[in-house]
Amino acid sequence: MIKIVVDAMGGDNAPNEIVKGALQALAKDKELCVLLTGDREKIEAVLQAEGKKDAYDASRLEIVHCTEVITNDDAPTLAIRQKKDSSLVVALKALKEDEQTQGFVSAGSTGAVLTGALLRVGRIRGISRPAVCPVLPTAKGGKVLLIDAGANAECKPVNLCHFALMGTAYARASGIAEPRVGLVTNGTEDHKGDPLHQEAHELLKTLPGIRFVGNVEGRDIMSGEIDVAVCDGFSGNIALKTTEGTALAVMQIIKQNIMASFWAKVGYALFMKKAFKNIKRVMDYSKYGGAVLLGIDKVVVKSHGSSKADSICASVLQAKAAAQSGLVPSIKQMLEKVDLEAIGGEA
């Protein structure tokens, strides 16, 4: 059994959708235990309502009552230090101190999750900075890891090297034997980019343990030609949000054009409905779970703030799979093969 602790009060739809998602995960994986942290009364109300619809194995579900909640309006560092009985802090404490608890999921404040994971759990020794790593679909039907997607707005070359190492370990844990790593910059030529990316490019070419395929442009991230896209957090966050926004805009434009004429509606209903449903399914972020915070000494998954039950379920299963595959030990093993001083040491 692997236990995953879930912040039941984090996110726009807490605790209803969070608890429902946890129950879905328990139903799908019989080797999973879930610990919910939050307001016991509210959590049990959801459990009672859901229990009438679908029975769940109560022996694999625990609740730890908490009296506080960290919101998006709270200053992350201050909240982590002052709200010690919040669902987030209590969950991270369980992750740190309980050997059976191997992973953590929250849809709460991104800043609080990042800060809390660093302060309460700690980073892997040798990793300069943790990084947010979401999973995106590719044009070839696979997936690509985008690292970093917003944790580090300003980076040094050593940070990008560490992102490449962690992304490679994550991709391997996900079943990709030899992940292809690309450095996202403003051109594919070796000399492209600012000094940060030029220096990082030279270091990545000689970095042991990774399959570096060179520079890639933003349009290549979801092409299927790479498995790990390495970015500084500023560029990575823009790339992620632009991708999400573009997907929503394209789907809206298509819908508007279909609804604009009778024959377009007929053509959609007769020939294209299944194809568009498949496209929508592939682009649905809930299918992939949340973004793993790589570089923390245990598995931490940050779900989208507006996550519904399906996305929470995917995030819980994602956390279990990452823990079961030995993601954190794999990162530590890769670091042992690297001369940290040669790439600039910790920064």
Protein backbone atom coordinates (compact mmCIF):
# COMPACT_ATOMS: atom_id res chain seq x y z
CA MET A 1 0.00 0.00 0.00
CA ILE A 2 1.12 3.54 -0.77
CA LYS A 3 -0.42 6.45 1.12
CA ILE A 4 -1.02 9.81 -0.55
CA VAL A 5 -1.97 12.83 1.57
CA VAL A 6 -4.47 15.23 -0.01
CA ASP A 7 -5.11 18.83 1.02
CA ALA A 8 -8.92 18.61 1.08
CA MET A 9 -9.43 22.35 1.58
CA GLY A 10 -7.21 23.61 -1.25
CA GLY A 11 -8.67 24.85 -4.53
CA ASP A 12 -11.71 26.65 -5.87
CA ASN A 13 -13.95 23.59 -5.50
CA ALA A 14 -12.85 22.34 -2.08
CA PRO A 15 -13.77 20.23 -0.31
CA ASN A 16 -16.50 18.65 -2.50
CA GLU A 17 -14.54 17.99 -5.69
CA ILE A 18 -11.33 17.19 -3.79
CA VAL A 19 -12.99 14.51 -1.68
CA LYS A 20 -14.88 13.11 -4.68
CA GLY A 21 -11.62 12.88 -6.62
CA ALA A 22 -9.92 11.06 -3.74
CA LEU A 23 -12.78 8.56 -3.63
CA GLN A 24 -12.50 8.00 -7.39
CA ALA A 25 -8.78 7.28 -6.99
CA LEU A 26 -9.47 4.79 -4.18
CA ALA A 27 -11.99 3.01 -6.39
CA LYS A 28 -9.54 2.76 -9.30
CA ASP A 29 -6.50 1.61 -7.30
CA LYS A 30 -6.91 -1.00 -4.58
CA GLU A 31 -3.27 -0.55 -3.50
CA LEU A 32 -3.83 3.09 -2.56
CA CYS A 33 -4.49 4.73 0.80
CA VAL A 34 -5.56 8.38 1.09
CA LEU A 35 -5.14 10.77 4.02
CA LEU A 36 -7.41 13.84 3.81
CA THR A 37 -6.51 16.95 5.80
CA GLY A 38 -9.12 19.62 6.48
CA ASP A 39 -12.39 20.38 8.23
CA ARG A 40 -13.61 16.95 9.38
CA GLU A 41 -17.28 17.96 9.45
CA LYS A 42 -17.23 19.24 5.87
CA ILE A 43 -15.23 16.26 4.61
CA GLU A 44 -17.53 13.76 6.30
CA ALA A 45 -20.57 15.51 4.83
CA VAL A 46 -19.19 14.87 1.34
CA LEU A 47 -18.28 11.30 2.24
CA GLN A 48 -21.78 10.67 3.51
CA ALA A 49 -23.34 12.05 0.35
CA GLU A 50 -21.00 10.12 -1.94
CA GLY A 51 -21.27 6.96 0.13
CA LYS A 52 -24.97 6.78 -0.70
CA LYS A 53 -24.09 6.67 -4.40
CA ASP A 54 -20.99 4.48 -4.45
CA ALA A 55 -19.55 2.46 -1.60
CA TYR A 56 -15.89 3.10 -0.80
CA ASP A 57 -13.35 1.23 1.29
CA ALA A 58 -13.26 3.23 4.53
CA SER A 59 -10.27 1.23 5.76
CA ARG A 60 -8.10 2.96 3.14
CA LEU A 61 -9.23 6.49 3.97
CA GLU A 62 -8.10 8.63 6.91
CA ILE A 63 -9.05 12.15 7.99
CA VAL A 64 -6.95 14.58 10.01
CA HIS A 65 -9.00 17.50 11.28
CA CYS A 66 -7.60 21.01 10.68
CA THR A 67 -9.00 24.34 11.82
CA GLU A 68 -7.33 26.66 9.29
CA VAL A 69 -7.14 27.13 5.53
CA ILE A 70 -4.49 28.93 3.46
CA THR A 71 -6.10 30.93 0.66
CA ASN A 72 -4.80 32.68 -2.44
CA ASP A 73 -5.05 35.97 -0.55
CA ASP A 74 -2.51 34.87 2.08
CA ALA A 75 1.17 35.73 1.74
CA PRO A 76 2.71 32.25 1.20
CA THR A 77 5.72 32.38 3.55
CA LEU A 78 3.79 34.12 6.33
CA ALA A 79 0.87 31.72 6.01
CA ILE A 80 3.07 28.63 6.13
CA ARG A 81 4.73 29.88 9.31
CA GLN A 82 1.63 31.19 11.07
CA LYS A 83 -1.20 28.85 9.99
CA LYS A 84 0.32 25.72 11.46
CA ASP A 85 -3.07 23.99 11.73
CA SER A 86 -3.99 24.63 8.10
CA SER A 87 -4.85 21.70 5.85
CA LEU A 88 -1.79 22.43 3.70
CA VAL A 89 0.78 22.63 6.51
CA VAL A 90 -0.63 19.58 8.31
CA ALA A 91 -0.54 17.60 5.04
CA LEU A 92 3.08 18.56 4.39
CA LYS A 93 4.01 17.63 7.95
CA ALA A 94 2.53 14.17 7.39
CA LEU A 95 4.45 13.88 4.13
CA LYS A 96 7.71 14.77 5.86
CA GLU A 97 7.34 12.70 9.02
CA ASP A 98 5.36 9.62 8.01
CA GLU A 99 7.40 7.05 6.07
CA GLN A 100 4.25 5.44 4.69
CA THR A 101 3.08 8.73 3.19
CA GLN A 102 4.87 8.88 -0.15
CA GLY A 103 3.11 11.69 -2.00
CA PHE A 104 1.07 14.88 -1.63
CA VAL A 105 -1.63 16.53 -3.73
CA SER A 106 -3.09 20.03 -3.45
CA ALA A 107 -5.15 22.32 -5.67
CA GLY A 108 -4.50 25.23 -3.32
CA SER A 109 -2.36 28.33 -3.66
CA THR A 110 0.61 27.62 -5.92
CA GLY A 111 2.88 29.96 -3.97
CA ALA A 112 1.91 28.37 -0.67
CA VAL A 113 2.43 24.84 -2.00
CA LEU A 114 5.89 25.75 -3.35
CA THR A 115 6.91 27.59 -0.20
CA GLY A 116 5.47 24.95 2.10
CA ALA A 117 7.15 22.08 0.28
CA LEU A 118 10.51 23.83 0.57
CA LEU A 119 10.15 24.83 4.21
CA ARG A 120 8.34 21.76 5.55
CA VAL A 121 9.67 18.90 3.41
CA GLY A 122 12.95 20.22 1.99
CA ARG A 123 14.68 19.90 -1.36
CA ILE A 124 16.84 17.11 -2.67
CA ARG A 125 20.46 17.69 -1.72
CA GLY A 126 22.36 19.00 -4.73
CA ILE A 127 19.33 20.45 -6.53
CA SER A 128 19.65 24.21 -6.76
CA ARG A 129 15.94 25.01 -7.11
CA PRO A 130 12.78 22.92 -7.36
CA ALA A 131 10.79 23.31 -10.57
CA VAL A 132 7.16 22.94 -11.62
CA CYS A 133 6.72 20.26 -14.27
CA PRO A 134 3.32 19.83 -15.98
CA VAL A 135 2.55 17.23 -18.65
CA LEU A 136 1.33 18.38 -22.08
CA PRO A 137 -0.03 16.36 -25.02
CA THR A 138 1.92 16.23 -28.29
CA ALA A 139 0.89 16.20 -31.94
CA LYS A 140 2.05 12.58 -32.20
CA GLY A 141 -0.19 11.33 -29.42
CA GLY A 142 2.48 11.21 -26.73
CA LYS A 143 3.35 13.64 -23.96
CA VAL A 144 6.02 16.17 -23.17
CA LEU A 145 7.24 17.46 -19.81
CA LEU A 146 7.57 21.24 -19.52
CA ILE A 147 10.12 22.23 -16.85
CA ASP A 148 10.13 24.88 -15.34
CA ALA A 149 6.60 26.25 -15.71
CA GLY A 150 6.76 29.08 -13.21
CA ALA A 151 8.61 28.36 -9.98
CA ASN A 152 11.79 30.27 -10.94
CA ALA A 153 11.35 33.49 -12.91
CA GLU A 154 15.10 34.17 -12.88
CA CYS A 155 17.53 31.34 -13.54
CA LYS A 156 21.22 30.56 -13.92
CA PRO A 157 22.68 27.94 -16.29
CA VAL A 158 23.10 25.47 -13.42
CA ASN A 159 19.35 25.67 -12.73
CA LEU A 160 18.52 24.73 -16.32
CA CYS A 161 20.94 21.79 -16.09
CA HIS A 162 19.20 20.57 -12.96
CA PHE A 163 15.83 20.95 -14.70
CA ALA A 164 17.13 18.74 -17.53
CA LEU A 165 18.31 16.07 -15.07
CA MET A 166 15.05 16.06 -13.11
CA GLY A 167 12.92 16.09 -16.26
CA THR A 168 14.88 13.13 -17.62
CA ALA A 169 14.37 11.19 -14.38
CA TYR A 170 10.63 11.96 -14.44
CA ALA A 171 10.30 10.95 -18.10
CA ARG A 172 12.07 7.66 -17.40
CA ALA A 173 9.82 7.04 -14.41
CA SER A 174 6.90 7.59 -16.79
CA GLY A 175 8.13 4.85 -19.12
CA ILE A 176 10.32 6.69 -21.65
CA ALA A 177 13.65 4.84 -21.82
CA GLU A 178 15.77 7.55 -23.48
CA PRO A 179 14.02 10.91 -23.10
CA ARG A 180 14.95 13.58 -25.64
CA VAL A 181 15.73 16.89 -23.94
CA GLY A 182 15.37 20.21 -25.70
CA LEU A 183 16.30 23.70 -24.46
CA VAL A 184 13.54 26.18 -25.31
CA THR A 185 14.90 29.41 -26.75
CA ASN A 186 14.38 31.74 -29.74
CA GLY A 187 16.02 29.60 -32.42
CA THR A 188 17.35 26.10 -33.07
CA GLU A 189 20.93 27.14 -33.86
CA ASP A 190 23.52 26.54 -31.13
CA HIS A 191 24.36 30.22 -30.81
CA LYS A 192 20.77 31.40 -30.38
CA GLY A 193 19.42 32.91 -27.18
CA ASP A 194 20.66 35.26 -24.50
CA PRO A 195 23.84 34.56 -22.49
CA LEU A 196 21.87 32.40 -20.03
CA HIS A 197 20.65 30.03 -22.74
CA GLN A 198 23.93 30.07 -24.67
CA GLU A 199 25.88 28.99 -21.58
CA ALA A 200 23.22 26.46 -20.59
CA HIS A 201 23.36 25.00 -24.10
CA GLU A 202 27.12 24.38 -23.81
CA LEU A 203 26.72 22.73 -20.41
CA LEU A 204 23.82 20.54 -21.53
CA LYS A 205 25.85 19.20 -24.46
CA THR A 206 28.30 17.58 -22.05
CA LEU A 207 25.96 16.79 -19.15
CA PRO A 208 26.07 13.03 -18.39
CA GLY A 209 22.86 11.07 -18.09
CA ILE A 210 20.70 13.10 -20.47
CA ARG A 211 19.99 12.89 -24.20
CA PHE A 212 20.27 16.51 -25.22
CA VAL A 213 18.95 17.15 -28.75
CA GLY A 214 19.71 20.88 -28.83
CA ASN A 215 17.74 24.10 -28.91
CA VAL A 216 14.04 24.07 -29.76
CA GLU A 217 11.56 26.86 -30.39
CA GLY A 218 8.23 27.35 -28.65
CA ARG A 219 6.36 25.78 -31.58
CA ASP A 220 8.37 22.58 -31.09
CA ILE A 221 7.31 21.95 -27.48
CA MET A 222 4.22 19.94 -28.44
CA SER A 223 5.55 18.62 -31.75
CA GLY A 224 6.37 15.17 -30.41
CA GLU A 225 10.04 15.57 -31.30
CA ILE A 226 11.12 16.03 -27.67
CA ASP A 227 10.12 14.47 -24.36
CA VAL A 228 11.44 17.16 -21.99
CA ALA A 229 11.27 20.90 -22.71
CA VAL A 230 13.66 22.85 -20.47
CA CYS A 231 12.73 26.48 -19.78
CA ASP A 232 13.44 29.21 -17.29
CA GLY A 233 10.32 29.66 -15.16
CA PHE A 234 9.38 32.99 -16.75
CA SER A 235 9.39 31.66 -20.31
CA GLY A 236 7.94 28.31 -19.28
CA ASN A 237 4.96 29.88 -17.55
CA ILE A 238 4.22 32.06 -20.57
CA ALA A 239 4.52 29.01 -22.84
CA LEU A 240 2.15 27.00 -20.64
CA LYS A 241 -0.48 29.72 -20.32
CA THR A 242 -0.25 30.55 -24.03
CA THR A 243 -0.75 26.89 -24.90
CA GLU A 244 -3.79 26.63 -22.62
CA GLY A 245 -5.25 29.88 -23.96
CA THR A 246 -4.66 28.95 -27.59
CA ALA A 247 -6.34 25.56 -27.16
CA LEU A 248 -9.41 27.20 -25.60
CA ALA A 249 -9.52 29.91 -28.28
CA VAL A 250 -9.23 27.44 -31.17
CA MET A 251 -12.02 25.26 -29.76
CA GLN A 252 -14.22 28.35 -29.30
CA ILE A 253 -13.55 29.56 -32.85
CA ILE A 254 -14.39 26.12 -34.25
CA LYS A 255 -17.62 26.00 -32.23
CA GLN A 256 -18.64 29.48 -33.39
CA ASN A 257 -18.08 28.53 -37.04
CA ILE A 258 -19.99 25.27 -36.69
CA MET A 259 -22.96 27.10 -35.14
CA ALA A 260 -22.83 29.84 -37.80
CA SER A 261 -24.63 27.86 -40.53
CA PHE A 262 -27.08 25.01 -40.96
CA TRP A 263 -24.81 22.99 -43.25
CA ALA A 264 -21.86 23.34 -40.89
CA LYS A 265 -24.04 21.89 -38.11
CA VAL A 266 -25.11 19.01 -40.37
CA GLY A 267 -21.52 18.28 -41.39
CA TYR A 268 -20.41 18.32 -37.75
CA ALA A 269 -23.20 16.01 -36.63
CA LEU A 270 -22.69 13.53 -39.47
CA PHE A 271 -18.93 13.46 -39.94
CA MET A 272 -16.87 15.45 -37.42
CA LYS A 273 -18.49 15.06 -33.98
CA LYS A 274 -16.38 12.06 -32.96
CA ALA A 275 -13.16 13.67 -34.19
CA PHE A 276 -13.78 16.87 -32.21
CA LYS A 277 -14.64 14.88 -29.09
CA ASN A 278 -11.30 13.09 -29.42
CA ILE A 279 -9.48 16.41 -29.81
CA LYS A 280 -11.20 17.79 -26.71
CA ARG A 281 -10.29 14.64 -24.77
CA VAL A 282 -6.61 14.87 -25.76
CA MET A 283 -6.43 18.57 -24.80
CA ASP A 284 -8.20 18.07 -21.44
CA TYR A 285 -5.68 18.82 -18.67
CA SER A 286 -7.64 16.75 -16.15
CA LYS A 287 -6.55 13.62 -17.99
CA TYR A 288 -2.91 14.24 -17.08
CA GLY A 289 -3.34 15.21 -13.42
CA GLY A 290 -1.32 18.06 -11.97
CA ALA A 291 2.19 19.45 -12.19
CA VAL A 292 4.88 17.63 -10.20
CA LEU A 293 7.17 19.85 -8.12
CA LEU A 294 10.51 18.27 -8.95
CA GLY A 295 13.43 18.74 -6.58
CA ILE A 296 11.50 18.20 -3.34
CA ASP A 297 12.56 15.23 -1.20
CA LYS A 298 9.17 13.53 -1.63
CA VAL A 299 6.56 13.56 -4.39
CA VAL A 300 4.52 16.78 -4.50
CA VAL A 301 1.77 17.32 -7.10
CA LYS A 302 0.13 20.71 -7.61
CA SER A 303 -3.29 20.42 -9.24
CA HIS A 304 -4.99 23.24 -11.12
CA GLY A 305 -6.86 25.56 -8.77
CA SER A 306 -10.16 24.94 -10.56
CA SER A 307 -9.74 21.16 -10.61
CA LYS A 308 -12.83 18.99 -10.53
CA ALA A 309 -13.01 15.45 -9.20
CA ASP A 310 -11.60 13.80 -12.35
CA SER A 311 -8.49 15.96 -12.25
CA ILE A 312 -7.95 15.36 -8.53
CA CYS A 313 -8.31 11.63 -9.10
CA ALA A 314 -5.71 11.78 -11.87
CA SER A 315 -3.38 13.81 -9.63
CA VAL A 316 -3.64 11.32 -6.76
CA LEU A 317 -2.90 8.40 -9.10
CA GLN A 318 -0.09 10.44 -10.65
CA ALA A 319 1.47 11.00 -7.22
CA LYS A 320 1.23 7.30 -6.39
CA ALA A 321 2.77 6.29 -9.73
CA ALA A 322 5.66 8.75 -9.27
CA ALA A 323 6.35 7.47 -5.76
CA GLN A 324 6.04 3.84 -6.83
CA SER A 325 8.44 4.33 -9.74
CA GLY A 326 11.11 5.77 -7.43
CA LEU A 327 11.15 9.26 -8.91
CA VAL A 328 12.98 10.95 -6.02
CA PRO A 329 15.65 8.22 -5.68
CA SER A 330 16.16 8.34 -9.47
CA ILE A 331 16.91 12.06 -9.33
CA LYS A 332 19.38 11.47 -6.50
CA GLN A 333 21.11 8.73 -8.52
CA MET A 334 21.45 11.01 -11.54
CA LEU A 335 23.01 13.73 -9.37
CA GLU A 336 25.67 11.29 -8.18
CA LYS A 337 26.96 11.02 -11.76
CA VAL A 338 27.30 14.78 -12.23
CA ASP A 339 30.20 17.01 -11.27
CA LEU A 340 28.16 19.80 -9.70
CA GLU A 341 31.12 22.15 -9.54
CA ALA A 342 31.67 21.75 -13.29
CA ILE A 343 28.18 23.12 -14.02
CA GLY A 344 28.35 25.89 -11.48
CA GLY A 345 27.35 24.10 -8.28
CA GLU A 346 24.17 25.01 -6.40
CA ALA A 347 22.62 28.40 -7.18
